[in-house]
Amino acid sequence: MAPTVPILRLRLVPFMALTGLQALQELVRKLQKRGVSVMPCEANHRVRAKL
């Protein structure tokens, strides 16, 4: 059984390009369709603004 709330630690992500953001959004949508909530944490101000 998969975890119901995976945590994405973004502490070491200095920035997020558009393609990375799109891939992350697609992943989150797929997980949400399965009833899985995703919790991003530890993002710096640049990454947080994009999310």
N, C-alpha and C. Protein backbone atom coordinates (compact mmCIF):
# COMPACT_ATOMS: atom_id res chain seq x y z
N MET A 1 0.84 -1.18 0.00
CA MET A 1 0.00 0.00 0.00
C MET A 1 0.89 1.25 0.00
N ALA A 2 0.58 2.19 -0.89
CA ALA A 2 1.36 3.43 -1.00
C ALA A 2 0.99 4.39 0.13
N PRO A 3 1.92 5.24 0.52
CA PRO A 3 1.59 6.22 1.56
C PRO A 3 0.51 7.16 1.06
N THR A 4 -0.32 7.64 1.96
CA THR A 4 -1.41 8.53 1.56
C THR A 4 -0.98 9.99 1.51
N VAL A 5 0.13 10.34 2.16
CA VAL A 5 0.62 11.71 2.10
C VAL A 5 2.15 11.69 1.95
N PRO A 6 2.66 11.55 0.71
CA PRO A 6 4.11 11.63 0.54
C PRO A 6 4.57 13.08 0.73
N ILE A 7 5.72 13.24 1.32
CA ILE A 7 6.27 14.57 1.60
C ILE A 7 7.42 14.83 0.63
N LEU A 8 7.33 15.92 -0.11
CA LEU A 8 8.39 16.31 -1.04
C LEU A 8 9.28 17.34 -0.35
N ARG A 9 10.47 16.92 0.04
CA ARG A 9 11.41 17.85 0.67
C ARG A 9 12.16 18.58 -0.43
N LEU A 10 11.96 19.86 -0.52
CA LEU A 10 12.53 20.68 -1.59
C LEU A 10 13.67 21.56 -1.09
N ARG A 11 14.24 21.21 0.03
CA ARG A 11 15.29 22.01 0.66
C ARG A 11 16.49 22.22 -0.25
N LEU A 12 16.84 21.23 -1.06
CA LEU A 12 18.03 21.32 -1.90
C LEU A 12 17.72 21.74 -3.34
N VAL A 13 16.51 22.19 -3.60
CA VAL A 13 16.11 22.64 -4.94
C VAL A 13 16.29 24.16 -4.99
N PRO A 14 17.31 24.65 -5.72
CA PRO A 14 17.57 26.10 -5.72
C PRO A 14 16.57 26.89 -6.56
N PHE A 15 16.05 26.28 -7.64
CA PHE A 15 15.05 26.93 -8.49
C PHE A 15 14.30 25.83 -9.24
N MET A 16 13.18 26.19 -9.86
CA MET A 16 12.42 25.21 -10.60
C MET A 16 12.08 25.81 -11.96
N ALA A 17 12.55 25.15 -13.03
CA ALA A 17 12.25 25.59 -14.39
C ALA A 17 10.82 25.19 -14.76
N LEU A 18 10.34 25.73 -15.83
CA LEU A 18 8.97 25.48 -16.26
C LEU A 18 8.71 24.00 -16.51
N THR A 19 9.64 23.30 -17.15
CA THR A 19 9.41 21.87 -17.44
C THR A 19 9.35 21.05 -16.15
N GLY A 20 10.18 21.40 -15.18
CA GLY A 20 10.14 20.70 -13.90
C GLY A 20 8.84 20.96 -13.16
N LEU A 21 8.38 22.19 -13.23
CA LEU A 21 7.12 22.56 -12.59
C LEU A 21 5.96 21.81 -13.25
N GLN A 22 5.96 21.74 -14.56
CA GLN A 22 4.89 21.02 -15.27
C GLN A 22 4.90 19.53 -14.93
N ALA A 23 6.09 18.94 -14.85
CA ALA A 23 6.19 17.52 -14.50
C ALA A 23 5.68 17.28 -13.08
N LEU A 24 6.04 18.16 -12.17
CA LEU A 24 5.58 18.03 -10.79
C LEU A 24 4.06 18.17 -10.71
N GLN A 25 3.49 19.13 -11.44
CA GLN A 25 2.03 19.31 -11.46
C GLN A 25 1.33 18.06 -12.00
N GLU A 26 1.87 17.49 -13.05
CA GLU A 26 1.29 16.27 -13.62
C GLU A 26 1.32 15.12 -12.62
N LEU A 27 2.44 14.97 -11.94
CA LEU A 27 2.57 13.92 -10.93
C LEU A 27 1.56 14.11 -9.81
N VAL A 28 1.45 15.35 -9.32
CA VAL A 28 0.51 15.63 -8.23
C VAL A 28 -0.92 15.35 -8.67
N ARG A 29 -1.28 15.73 -9.89
CA ARG A 29 -2.64 15.45 -10.39
C ARG A 29 -2.92 13.96 -10.43
N LYS A 30 -1.97 13.18 -10.92
CA LYS A 30 -2.15 11.72 -11.00
C LYS A 30 -2.31 11.13 -9.60
N LEU A 31 -1.51 11.59 -8.67
CA LEU A 31 -1.61 11.08 -7.31
C LEU A 31 -2.94 11.47 -6.67
N GLN A 32 -3.38 12.69 -6.91
CA GLN A 32 -4.65 13.15 -6.34
C GLN A 32 -5.82 12.33 -6.87
N LYS A 33 -5.76 11.92 -8.13
CA LYS A 33 -6.81 11.06 -8.70
C LYS A 33 -6.88 9.73 -7.97
N ARG A 34 -5.76 9.31 -7.40
CA ARG A 34 -5.70 8.05 -6.63
C ARG A 34 -6.02 8.26 -5.15
N GLY A 35 -6.33 9.49 -4.79
CA GLY A 35 -6.65 9.78 -3.41
C GLY A 35 -5.45 10.08 -2.54
N VAL A 36 -4.33 10.40 -3.18
CA VAL A 36 -3.09 10.68 -2.45
C VAL A 36 -2.85 12.18 -2.41
N SER A 37 -2.67 12.74 -1.24
CA SER A 37 -2.33 14.15 -1.10
C SER A 37 -0.81 14.27 -1.03
N VAL A 38 -0.27 15.29 -1.67
CA VAL A 38 1.18 15.52 -1.68
C VAL A 38 1.48 16.77 -0.86
N MET A 39 2.50 16.68 0.00
CA MET A 39 2.86 17.81 0.84
C MET A 39 4.27 18.29 0.52
N PRO A 40 4.40 19.40 -0.21
CA PRO A 40 5.73 19.96 -0.43
C PRO A 40 6.17 20.73 0.82
N CYS A 41 7.44 20.65 1.15
CA CYS A 41 7.94 21.38 2.31
C CYS A 41 9.39 21.79 2.08
N GLU A 42 9.85 22.72 2.88
CA GLU A 42 11.23 23.21 2.90
C GLU A 42 11.65 23.91 1.61
N ALA A 43 10.70 24.42 0.83
CA ALA A 43 11.05 25.12 -0.41
C ALA A 43 11.54 26.53 -0.09
N ASN A 44 12.53 26.99 -0.85
CA ASN A 44 12.99 28.36 -0.67
C ASN A 44 11.97 29.32 -1.29
N HIS A 45 12.18 30.62 -1.14
CA HIS A 45 11.19 31.59 -1.59
C HIS A 45 10.96 31.56 -3.09
N ARG A 46 12.00 31.29 -3.89
CA ARG A 46 11.84 31.22 -5.35
C ARG A 46 10.94 30.05 -5.76
N VAL A 47 11.25 28.88 -5.21
CA VAL A 47 10.48 27.68 -5.55
C VAL A 47 9.06 27.80 -5.02
N ARG A 48 8.90 28.30 -3.82
CA ARG A 48 7.56 28.47 -3.23
C ARG A 48 6.70 29.38 -4.09
N ALA A 49 7.30 30.43 -4.65
CA ALA A 49 6.55 31.36 -5.50
C ALA A 49 6.05 30.67 -6.77
N LYS A 50 6.83 29.75 -7.30
CA LYS A 50 6.43 29.02 -8.52
C LYS A 50 5.33 28.01 -8.22
N LEU A 51 5.41 27.41 -7.02
CA LEU A 51 4.42 26.40 -6.67
C LEU A 51 3.09 27.06 -6.40
